[in-house]
């Protein structure tokens, strides 16, 4: 069997054009008959790199600085008669602890006050910032009307809201 393996390896080396290693020697030298099978190495001479002349920089002409001109202070604008729209007051209710994407439900940990069905809430945090009405609330798979401080409540949302987002009750 060993003789057969040697014969196969010798044939493979002949077909590839590589010399076979001599048994027992670490450095193998090609035999004379294999030198003709080797491909000649082409050496390409590179032309020496041309040096480019240095570019001269143009002299920069700077414009003379103009003297500082004091601007007259603008008088206070007259008050318009249209009343300013006040932003609705928001009361912090709690944080989102989980989000279930398939059923679009969040778990809210109520930390202050209470959350009721029909309240308008604002979800803010992460990439979410939207306002919606509370359509349904559940505590441990039971429909409830209000969730008080310290409870975990399930809340159906209109958009994606990530854990860590805050929920505010919009008053007014």
N, C-alpha and C. Protein backbone atom coordinates (compact mmCIF):
# COMPACT_ATOMS: atom_id res chain seq x y z
N UNK A 1 0.82 -1.20 0.00
CA UNK A 1 0.00 0.00 0.00
C UNK A 1 0.87 1.26 0.00
N UNK A 2 1.96 1.21 0.77
CA UNK A 2 2.84 2.37 0.84
C UNK A 2 3.50 2.64 -0.50
N UNK A 3 3.83 1.59 -1.20
CA UNK A 3 4.43 1.74 -2.52
C UNK A 3 3.46 2.39 -3.49
N UNK A 4 2.20 2.01 -3.39
CA UNK A 4 1.15 2.58 -4.25
C UNK A 4 0.99 4.08 -3.98
N UNK A 5 1.02 4.48 -2.72
CA UNK A 5 0.89 5.89 -2.37
C UNK A 5 2.07 6.69 -2.89
N UNK A 6 3.28 6.13 -2.82
CA UNK A 6 4.46 6.83 -3.33
C UNK A 6 4.35 7.04 -4.83
N UNK A 7 3.87 6.01 -5.50
CA UNK A 7 3.73 6.10 -6.95
C UNK A 7 2.72 7.18 -7.33
N UNK A 8 1.59 7.22 -6.62
CA UNK A 8 0.58 8.25 -6.90
C UNK A 8 1.11 9.66 -6.65
N UNK A 9 1.84 9.84 -5.53
CA UNK A 9 2.37 11.16 -5.25
C UNK A 9 3.39 11.58 -6.29
N UNK A 10 4.18 10.62 -6.79
CA UNK A 10 5.17 10.95 -7.82
C UNK A 10 4.48 11.37 -9.10
N UNK A 11 3.40 10.70 -9.47
CA UNK A 11 2.66 11.05 -10.69
C UNK A 11 2.03 12.43 -10.53
N UNK A 12 1.47 12.68 -9.38
CA UNK A 12 0.85 14.00 -9.15
C UNK A 12 1.87 15.11 -9.29
N UNK A 13 3.04 14.90 -8.72
CA UNK A 13 4.08 15.91 -8.79
C UNK A 13 4.56 16.11 -10.23
N UNK A 14 4.62 15.05 -10.96
CA UNK A 14 5.04 15.18 -12.36
C UNK A 14 4.03 15.97 -13.16
N UNK A 15 2.75 15.70 -12.92
CA UNK A 15 1.71 16.41 -13.66
C UNK A 15 1.66 17.89 -13.29
N UNK A 16 1.94 18.22 -12.04
CA UNK A 16 1.91 19.61 -11.61
C UNK A 16 3.18 20.34 -11.99
N UNK A 17 4.26 19.62 -12.26
CA UNK A 17 5.50 20.27 -12.61
C UNK A 17 6.31 20.66 -11.40
N UNK A 18 6.01 20.04 -10.25
CA UNK A 18 6.76 20.35 -9.04
C UNK A 18 7.65 19.16 -8.70
N UNK A 19 8.83 19.40 -8.21
CA UNK A 19 9.71 18.28 -7.85
C UNK A 19 9.24 17.59 -6.58
N UNK A 20 9.51 16.32 -6.49
CA UNK A 20 9.17 15.56 -5.30
C UNK A 20 10.25 15.76 -4.24
N UNK A 21 9.89 15.78 -3.00
CA UNK A 21 10.87 15.94 -1.94
C UNK A 21 11.60 14.63 -1.72
N UNK A 22 12.86 14.74 -1.41
CA UNK A 22 13.64 13.56 -1.08
C UNK A 22 13.32 13.13 0.35
N UNK A 23 13.28 11.88 0.56
CA UNK A 23 12.99 11.37 1.90
C UNK A 23 14.14 11.70 2.83
N UNK A 24 13.83 12.25 3.99
CA UNK A 24 14.84 12.51 4.99
C UNK A 24 15.48 13.88 4.88
N UNK A 25 15.32 14.59 3.80
CA UNK A 25 15.96 15.91 3.70
C UNK A 25 14.93 17.00 3.94
N UNK A 26 15.32 18.00 4.67
CA UNK A 26 14.39 19.09 4.98
C UNK A 26 14.27 20.05 3.80
N UNK A 27 15.38 20.38 3.25
CA UNK A 27 15.35 21.30 2.11
C UNK A 27 15.38 20.45 0.85
N UNK A 28 14.40 20.64 0.03
CA UNK A 28 14.39 19.85 -1.21
C UNK A 28 14.89 20.73 -2.34
N UNK A 29 15.80 20.17 -3.10
CA UNK A 29 16.30 20.88 -4.26
C UNK A 29 15.69 20.27 -5.50
N UNK A 30 15.35 21.07 -6.48
CA UNK A 30 14.78 20.47 -7.69
C UNK A 30 15.82 19.64 -8.43
N UNK A 31 15.38 18.56 -8.96
CA UNK A 31 16.27 17.72 -9.75
C UNK A 31 16.46 18.36 -11.11
N UNK A 32 17.49 17.93 -11.80
CA UNK A 32 17.84 18.56 -13.07
C UNK A 32 16.76 18.36 -14.11
N UNK A 33 16.09 17.19 -14.10
CA UNK A 33 15.11 16.95 -15.13
C UNK A 33 13.84 17.79 -14.94
N UNK A 34 13.60 18.33 -13.72
CA UNK A 34 12.42 19.14 -13.48
C UNK A 34 12.63 20.61 -13.81
N UNK A 35 13.86 21.04 -13.97
CA UNK A 35 14.12 22.45 -14.24
C UNK A 35 13.50 22.89 -15.55
N UNK A 36 13.40 22.00 -16.50
CA UNK A 36 12.82 22.37 -17.79
C UNK A 36 11.31 22.56 -17.68
N UNK A 37 10.69 21.93 -16.67
CA UNK A 37 9.24 22.07 -16.51
C UNK A 37 8.84 23.36 -15.80
N UNK A 38 9.79 23.96 -15.13
CA UNK A 38 9.46 25.21 -14.41
C UNK A 38 9.25 26.34 -15.40
N UNK A 39 8.37 27.22 -15.01
CA UNK A 39 8.11 28.41 -15.83
C UNK A 39 9.16 29.45 -15.54
N UNK A 40 9.64 30.12 -16.56
CA UNK A 40 10.63 31.16 -16.30
C UNK A 40 9.97 32.36 -15.60
N UNK A 41 10.70 32.96 -14.69
CA UNK A 41 10.19 34.10 -13.94
C UNK A 41 10.52 35.36 -14.72
N UNK A 42 9.49 36.12 -15.00
CA UNK A 42 9.70 37.38 -15.72
C UNK A 42 9.95 38.48 -14.72
N UNK A 43 10.99 39.18 -14.93
CA UNK A 43 11.29 40.30 -14.05
C UNK A 43 11.06 41.58 -14.83
N UNK A 44 10.24 42.43 -14.28
CA UNK A 44 9.89 43.68 -14.94
C UNK A 44 10.70 44.80 -14.31
N UNK A 45 11.38 45.53 -15.15
CA UNK A 45 12.13 46.68 -14.65
C UNK A 45 11.22 47.89 -14.67
N UNK A 46 11.22 48.55 -13.58
CA UNK A 46 10.39 49.75 -13.49
C UNK A 46 11.25 50.97 -13.77
N UNK A 47 10.63 51.91 -14.44
CA UNK A 47 11.33 53.16 -14.72
C UNK A 47 11.41 53.96 -13.42
N UNK A 48 12.49 54.69 -13.24
CA UNK A 48 12.59 55.49 -12.02
C UNK A 48 11.48 56.54 -11.97
N UNK A 49 11.00 56.80 -10.77
CA UNK A 49 9.90 57.74 -10.60
C UNK A 49 10.37 59.15 -10.97
N UNK A 50 9.50 59.83 -11.71
CA UNK A 50 9.83 61.21 -12.12
C UNK A 50 9.46 62.15 -11.00
N UNK A 51 10.34 63.07 -10.77
CA UNK A 51 10.06 64.06 -9.74
C UNK A 51 9.39 65.26 -10.37
N UNK A 52 8.32 65.64 -9.78
CA UNK A 52 7.58 66.79 -10.30
C UNK A 52 8.11 68.07 -9.67
N UNK A 53 8.13 69.13 -10.43
CA UNK A 53 8.59 70.39 -9.83
C UNK A 53 7.57 70.89 -8.80
N UNK A 54 8.08 71.54 -7.80
CA UNK A 54 7.21 72.07 -6.75
C UNK A 54 6.38 73.22 -7.31
N UNK A 55 5.12 73.22 -6.92
CA UNK A 55 4.24 74.30 -7.34
C UNK A 55 4.42 75.49 -6.42
N UNK A 56 4.46 76.63 -7.02
CA UNK A 56 4.58 77.83 -6.20
C UNK A 56 3.19 78.30 -5.83
N UNK A 57 3.06 78.67 -4.62
CA UNK A 57 1.77 79.16 -4.16
C UNK A 57 1.62 80.62 -4.52
N UNK A 58 0.41 80.92 -4.91
CA UNK A 58 0.13 82.32 -5.24
C UNK A 58 -0.01 83.14 -3.96
N UNK A 59 0.41 84.34 -4.04
CA UNK A 59 0.28 85.22 -2.88
C UNK A 59 -1.19 85.56 -2.71
N UNK A 60 -1.67 85.38 -1.52
CA UNK A 60 -3.08 85.65 -1.24
C UNK A 60 -3.23 87.12 -0.89
N UNK A 61 -4.08 87.78 -1.64
CA UNK A 61 -4.34 89.19 -1.34
C UNK A 61 -5.59 89.25 -0.47
N UNK A 62 -5.42 89.80 0.68
CA UNK A 62 -6.55 89.89 1.60
C UNK A 62 -7.20 91.25 1.47
N UNK A 63 -8.52 91.19 1.58
CA UNK A 63 -9.26 92.44 1.52
C UNK A 63 -9.10 93.17 2.84
N UNK A 64 -9.00 94.48 2.78
CA UNK A 64 -8.88 95.22 4.04
C UNK A 64 -10.17 95.10 4.85
N UNK A 65 -10.00 95.02 6.16
CA UNK A 65 -11.16 94.90 7.02
C UNK A 65 -11.94 96.20 7.05
N UNK A 66 -13.24 96.03 6.99
CA UNK A 66 -14.10 97.22 7.07
C UNK A 66 -14.30 97.59 8.53
N UNK A 67 -14.45 98.87 8.79
CA UNK A 67 -14.69 99.25 10.18
C UNK A 67 -16.04 98.72 10.65
N UNK A 68 -16.09 98.34 11.92
CA UNK A 68 -17.32 97.77 12.46
C UNK A 68 -18.40 98.84 12.51
N UNK A 69 -19.57 98.46 12.05
CA UNK A 69 -20.71 99.38 12.05
C UNK A 69 -21.67 98.90 13.11
N UNK A 70 -22.04 99.81 13.98
CA UNK A 70 -22.97 99.44 15.04
C UNK A 70 -24.38 99.41 14.48
N UNK A 71 -25.05 98.31 14.81
CA UNK A 71 -26.43 98.18 14.35
C UNK A 71 -27.34 98.80 15.39
N UNK A 72 -28.37 99.45 14.89
CA UNK A 72 -29.33 100.07 15.79
C UNK A 72 -30.17 98.98 16.43
N UNK A 73 -30.45 99.14 17.71
CA UNK A 73 -31.26 98.15 18.40
C UNK A 73 -32.68 98.22 17.90
N UNK A 74 -33.23 97.04 17.71
CA UNK A 74 -34.62 96.99 17.24
C UNK A 74 -35.52 97.21 18.44
N UNK A 75 -36.54 97.97 18.20
CA UNK A 75 -37.50 98.20 19.28
C UNK A 75 -38.34 96.94 19.46
N UNK A 76 -38.87 96.80 20.63
CA UNK A 76 -39.67 95.62 20.93
C UNK A 76 -40.83 95.54 19.95
N UNK A 77 -41.05 94.35 19.42
CA UNK A 77 -42.13 94.17 18.45
C UNK A 77 -43.47 94.38 19.14
N UNK A 78 -44.40 94.98 18.46
CA UNK A 78 -45.71 95.19 19.08
C UNK A 78 -46.39 93.85 19.34
N UNK A 79 -47.06 93.77 20.45
CA UNK A 79 -47.74 92.53 20.82
C UNK A 79 -48.90 92.28 19.87
N UNK A 80 -48.96 91.04 19.40
CA UNK A 80 -50.07 90.71 18.50
C UNK A 80 -51.32 90.45 19.33
N UNK A 81 -52.45 90.61 18.72
CA UNK A 81 -53.70 90.44 19.45
C UNK A 81 -54.15 88.98 19.48
N UNK A 82 -53.42 88.11 18.74
CA UNK A 82 -53.78 86.70 18.73
C UNK A 82 -53.13 86.05 19.95
N UNK A 83 -53.91 85.40 20.80
CA UNK A 83 -53.31 84.79 21.99
C UNK A 83 -52.43 83.60 21.61
N UNK A 84 -51.36 83.43 22.35
CA UNK A 84 -50.44 82.32 22.08
C UNK A 84 -51.10 81.01 22.49
N UNK A 85 -50.87 79.97 21.70
CA UNK A 85 -51.44 78.66 22.01
C UNK A 85 -50.53 77.98 23.02
N UNK A 86 -51.11 77.60 24.15
CA UNK A 86 -50.33 76.95 25.18
C UNK A 86 -50.29 75.46 24.92
N UNK A 87 -49.14 74.87 25.16
CA UNK A 87 -49.00 73.43 24.99
C UNK A 87 -49.80 72.73 26.09
N UNK A 88 -50.44 71.62 25.75
CA UNK A 88 -51.20 70.93 26.78
C UNK A 88 -50.29 70.42 27.89
N UNK A 89 -50.84 70.41 29.10
CA UNK A 89 -50.05 69.98 30.25
C UNK A 89 -49.96 68.46 30.24
N UNK A 90 -48.76 67.95 30.48
CA UNK A 90 -48.54 66.51 30.49
C UNK A 90 -48.14 66.06 31.88
N UNK A 91 -48.76 64.98 32.35
CA UNK A 91 -48.47 64.45 33.67
C UNK A 91 -47.85 63.06 33.49
N UNK A 92 -46.70 62.85 34.10
CA UNK A 92 -46.01 61.57 33.98
C UNK A 92 -46.83 60.47 34.65
N UNK A 93 -47.02 59.36 33.94
CA UNK A 93 -47.80 58.24 34.46
C UNK A 93 -46.91 57.04 34.76
N UNK A 94 -46.07 56.65 33.79
CA UNK A 94 -45.24 55.48 34.01
C UNK A 94 -44.31 55.18 32.85
N UNK A 95 -43.65 54.02 32.93
CA UNK A 95 -42.69 53.60 31.91
C UNK A 95 -43.18 52.34 31.20
N UNK A 96 -42.70 52.14 29.98
CA UNK A 96 -42.99 50.91 29.25
C UNK A 96 -41.90 49.91 29.61
N UNK A 97 -42.32 48.71 30.03
CA UNK A 97 -41.35 47.68 30.38
C UNK A 97 -41.18 46.64 29.27
N UNK A 98 -42.23 46.35 28.51
CA UNK A 98 -42.16 45.38 27.42
C UNK A 98 -42.99 45.88 26.24
N UNK A 99 -42.64 45.36 25.04
CA UNK A 99 -43.41 45.66 23.83
C UNK A 99 -43.59 44.38 23.04
N UNK A 100 -44.82 44.06 22.71
CA UNK A 100 -45.14 42.88 21.92
C UNK A 100 -45.54 43.34 20.53
N UNK A 101 -44.63 43.10 19.55
CA UNK A 101 -44.79 43.70 18.22
C UNK A 101 -45.93 43.08 17.43
N UNK A 102 -46.19 41.79 17.58
CA UNK A 102 -47.24 41.16 16.76
C UNK A 102 -48.63 41.66 17.13
N UNK A 103 -48.88 41.85 18.40
CA UNK A 103 -50.21 42.29 18.82
C UNK A 103 -50.26 43.77 19.15
N UNK A 104 -49.11 44.47 18.99
CA UNK A 104 -49.01 45.92 19.22
C UNK A 104 -49.51 46.30 20.62
N UNK A 105 -48.95 45.64 21.62
CA UNK A 105 -49.33 45.89 23.01
C UNK A 105 -48.07 46.19 23.81
N UNK A 106 -48.17 47.15 24.73
CA UNK A 106 -47.07 47.46 25.63
C UNK A 106 -47.49 47.14 27.06
N UNK A 107 -46.51 46.84 27.89
CA UNK A 107 -46.76 46.67 29.32
C UNK A 107 -46.28 47.93 30.00
N UNK A 108 -47.20 48.58 30.72
CA UNK A 108 -46.90 49.85 31.37
C UNK A 108 -46.84 49.63 32.87
N UNK A 109 -45.76 50.11 33.48
CA UNK A 109 -45.66 50.11 34.93
C UNK A 109 -46.10 51.49 35.40
N UNK A 110 -47.26 51.54 36.03
CA UNK A 110 -47.82 52.82 36.49
C UNK A 110 -47.05 53.25 37.73
N UNK A 111 -46.42 54.43 37.65
CA UNK A 111 -45.60 54.92 38.77
C UNK A 111 -46.24 56.07 39.52
N UNK A 112 -47.11 56.84 38.83
CA UNK A 112 -47.77 57.98 39.49
C UNK A 112 -49.21 58.06 39.01
N UNK A 113 -50.09 58.43 39.90
CA UNK A 113 -51.48 58.66 39.53
C UNK A 113 -52.17 57.40 39.06
N UNK A 114 -53.04 57.56 38.07
CA UNK A 114 -53.76 56.42 37.52
C UNK A 114 -53.97 56.60 36.03
N UNK A 115 -54.15 55.49 35.35
CA UNK A 115 -54.36 55.46 33.91
C UNK A 115 -55.72 54.82 33.66
N UNK A 116 -56.59 55.52 32.92
CA UNK A 116 -57.95 55.04 32.72
C UNK A 116 -58.26 54.91 31.24
N UNK A 117 -59.28 54.10 30.94
CA UNK A 117 -59.75 53.97 29.57
C UNK A 117 -60.38 55.30 29.16
N UNK A 118 -60.03 55.81 27.98
CA UNK A 118 -60.55 57.08 27.49
C UNK A 118 -59.58 58.23 27.69
N UNK A 119 -58.53 58.05 28.50
CA UNK A 119 -57.52 59.09 28.69
C UNK A 119 -56.72 59.27 27.41
N UNK A 120 -56.25 60.50 27.17
CA UNK A 120 -55.34 60.76 26.06
C UNK A 120 -53.93 60.70 26.62
N UNK A 121 -53.09 59.88 26.00
CA UNK A 121 -51.73 59.72 26.50
C UNK A 121 -50.74 60.08 25.40
N UNK A 122 -49.52 60.39 25.85
CA UNK A 122 -48.43 60.65 24.92
C UNK A 122 -47.30 59.68 25.26
N UNK A 123 -46.86 58.93 24.25
CA UNK A 123 -45.76 57.98 24.42
C UNK A 123 -44.52 58.66 23.86
N UNK A 124 -43.49 58.79 24.70
CA UNK A 124 -42.29 59.51 24.28
C UNK A 124 -41.06 58.77 24.78
N UNK A 125 -40.12 58.54 23.86
CA UNK A 125 -38.88 57.88 24.23
C UNK A 125 -38.39 56.97 23.13
N UNK A 126 -37.06 56.87 23.00
CA UNK A 126 -36.50 56.06 21.91
C UNK A 126 -36.82 56.73 20.59
N UNK A 127 -37.41 55.99 19.69
CA UNK A 127 -37.80 56.56 18.40
C UNK A 127 -39.28 56.90 18.36
N UNK A 128 -39.99 56.69 19.46
CA UNK A 128 -41.43 56.91 19.50
C UNK A 128 -41.76 58.27 20.10
N UNK A 129 -42.72 58.93 19.48
CA UNK A 129 -43.29 60.16 20.03
C UNK A 129 -44.65 60.35 19.37
N UNK A 130 -45.70 59.87 20.02
CA UNK A 130 -47.04 59.97 19.45
C UNK A 130 -48.08 60.11 20.55
N UNK A 131 -49.26 60.58 20.14
CA UNK A 131 -50.38 60.80 21.06
C UNK A 131 -51.51 59.87 20.63
N UNK A 132 -52.20 59.27 21.60
CA UNK A 132 -53.33 58.40 21.30
C UNK A 132 -54.26 58.33 22.49
N UNK A 133 -55.45 57.78 22.26
CA UNK A 133 -56.40 57.57 23.35
C UNK A 133 -56.27 56.14 23.83
N UNK A 134 -56.50 55.93 25.11
CA UNK A 134 -56.44 54.58 25.67
C UNK A 134 -57.75 53.89 25.33
N UNK A 135 -57.67 52.85 24.50
CA UNK A 135 -58.86 52.13 24.08
C UNK A 135 -59.16 50.97 25.01
N UNK A 136 -58.12 50.25 25.44
CA UNK A 136 -58.35 49.12 26.34
C UNK A 136 -57.17 48.95 27.28
N UNK A 137 -57.47 48.52 28.48
CA UNK A 137 -56.46 48.24 29.51
C UNK A 137 -56.70 46.85 30.06
N UNK A 138 -55.62 46.12 30.32
CA UNK A 138 -55.75 44.80 30.92
C UNK A 138 -54.71 44.65 32.02
N UNK A 139 -55.15 44.03 33.11
CA UNK A 139 -54.23 43.67 34.18
C UNK A 139 -54.36 42.17 34.37
N UNK A 140 -53.26 41.44 34.14
CA UNK A 140 -53.23 39.99 34.22
C UNK A 140 -54.36 39.36 33.40
N UNK A 141 -54.48 39.76 32.13
CA UNK A 141 -55.42 39.24 31.14
C UNK A 141 -56.89 39.52 31.48
N UNK A 142 -57.16 40.45 32.39
CA UNK A 142 -58.54 40.84 32.70
C UNK A 142 -58.73 42.30 32.31
N UNK A 143 -59.83 42.58 31.60
CA UNK A 143 -60.13 43.96 31.21
C UNK A 143 -60.46 44.78 32.45
N UNK A 144 -59.84 45.96 32.55
CA UNK A 144 -60.11 46.87 33.66
C UNK A 144 -60.34 48.27 33.11
N UNK A 145 -60.93 49.13 33.92
CA UNK A 145 -61.16 50.51 33.49
C UNK A 145 -60.02 51.43 33.91
N UNK A 146 -59.40 51.15 35.06
CA UNK A 146 -58.29 51.98 35.52
C UNK A 146 -57.15 51.12 36.05
N UNK A 147 -55.95 51.65 35.93
CA UNK A 147 -54.76 51.02 36.50
C UNK A 147 -54.14 52.03 37.44
N UNK A 148 -53.91 51.63 38.67
CA UNK A 148 -53.40 52.56 39.68
C UNK A 148 -51.91 52.37 39.89
N UNK A 149 -51.32 53.23 40.73
CA UNK A 149 -49.88 53.23 40.99
C UNK A 149 -49.42 51.86 41.48
N UNK A 150 -48.31 51.39 40.88
CA UNK A 150 -47.72 50.12 41.29
C UNK A 150 -48.17 48.93 40.48
N UNK A 151 -49.14 49.08 39.59
CA UNK A 151 -49.65 47.96 38.80
C UNK A 151 -48.96 47.90 37.44
N UNK A 152 -48.92 46.69 36.87
CA UNK A 152 -48.47 46.49 35.51
C UNK A 152 -49.70 46.28 34.64
N UNK A 153 -49.87 47.13 33.64
CA UNK A 153 -51.07 47.06 32.80
C UNK A 153 -50.68 46.90 31.35
N UNK A 154 -51.48 46.11 30.63
CA UNK A 154 -51.29 45.95 29.20
C UNK A 154 -52.09 47.01 28.47
N UNK A 155 -51.49 47.65 27.47
CA UNK A 155 -52.12 48.76 26.77
C UNK A 155 -51.92 48.59 25.28
N UNK A 156 -53.00 48.64 24.52
CA UNK A 156 -52.92 48.53 23.06
C UNK A 156 -52.46 49.88 22.51
N UNK A 157 -51.40 49.86 21.63
CA UNK A 157 -50.87 51.10 21.07
C UNK A 157 -51.03 51.10 19.56
N UNK A 158 -50.97 52.31 18.99
CA UNK A 158 -51.14 52.47 17.54
C UNK A 158 -49.83 52.29 16.79
N UNK A 159 -48.71 52.61 17.43
CA UNK A 159 -47.39 52.54 16.79
C UNK A 159 -46.41 51.79 17.67
N UNK A 160 -45.22 51.56 17.13
CA UNK A 160 -44.19 50.85 17.88
C UNK A 160 -43.65 51.74 19.00
N UNK A 161 -43.49 51.15 20.17
CA UNK A 161 -42.92 51.86 21.31
C UNK A 161 -41.96 50.91 22.01
N UNK A 162 -40.75 51.36 22.24
CA UNK A 162 -39.72 50.49 22.80
C UNK A 162 -39.72 50.55 24.33
N UNK A 163 -39.21 49.47 24.96
CA UNK A 163 -39.10 49.50 26.42
C UNK A 163 -38.21 50.67 26.88
N UNK A 164 -38.63 51.30 27.96
CA UNK A 164 -37.90 52.46 28.46
C UNK A 164 -38.59 53.77 28.10
N UNK A 165 -39.52 53.73 27.13
CA UNK A 165 -40.26 54.93 26.76
C UNK A 165 -41.16 55.34 27.92
N UNK A 166 -41.45 56.62 28.00
CA UNK A 166 -42.26 57.15 29.09
C UNK A 166 -43.67 57.46 28.59
N UNK A 167 -44.63 57.33 29.48
CA UNK A 167 -46.03 57.61 29.13
C UNK A 167 -46.52 58.78 29.99
N UNK A 168 -47.08 59.76 29.29
CA UNK A 168 -47.61 60.95 29.94
C UNK A 168 -49.10 61.04 29.66
N UNK A 169 -49.86 61.48 30.67
CA UNK A 169 -51.29 61.73 30.47
C UNK A 169 -51.44 63.18 30.04
N UNK A 170 -52.12 63.41 28.91
CA UNK A 170 -52.29 64.75 28.39
C UNK A 170 -53.56 65.33 29.00
N UNK A 171 -53.41 66.45 29.72
CA UNK A 171 -54.56 67.09 30.36
C UNK A 171 -54.95 68.31 29.54
N UNK A 172 -56.23 68.44 29.32
CA UNK A 172 -56.70 69.66 28.67
C UNK A 172 -56.97 69.43 27.26
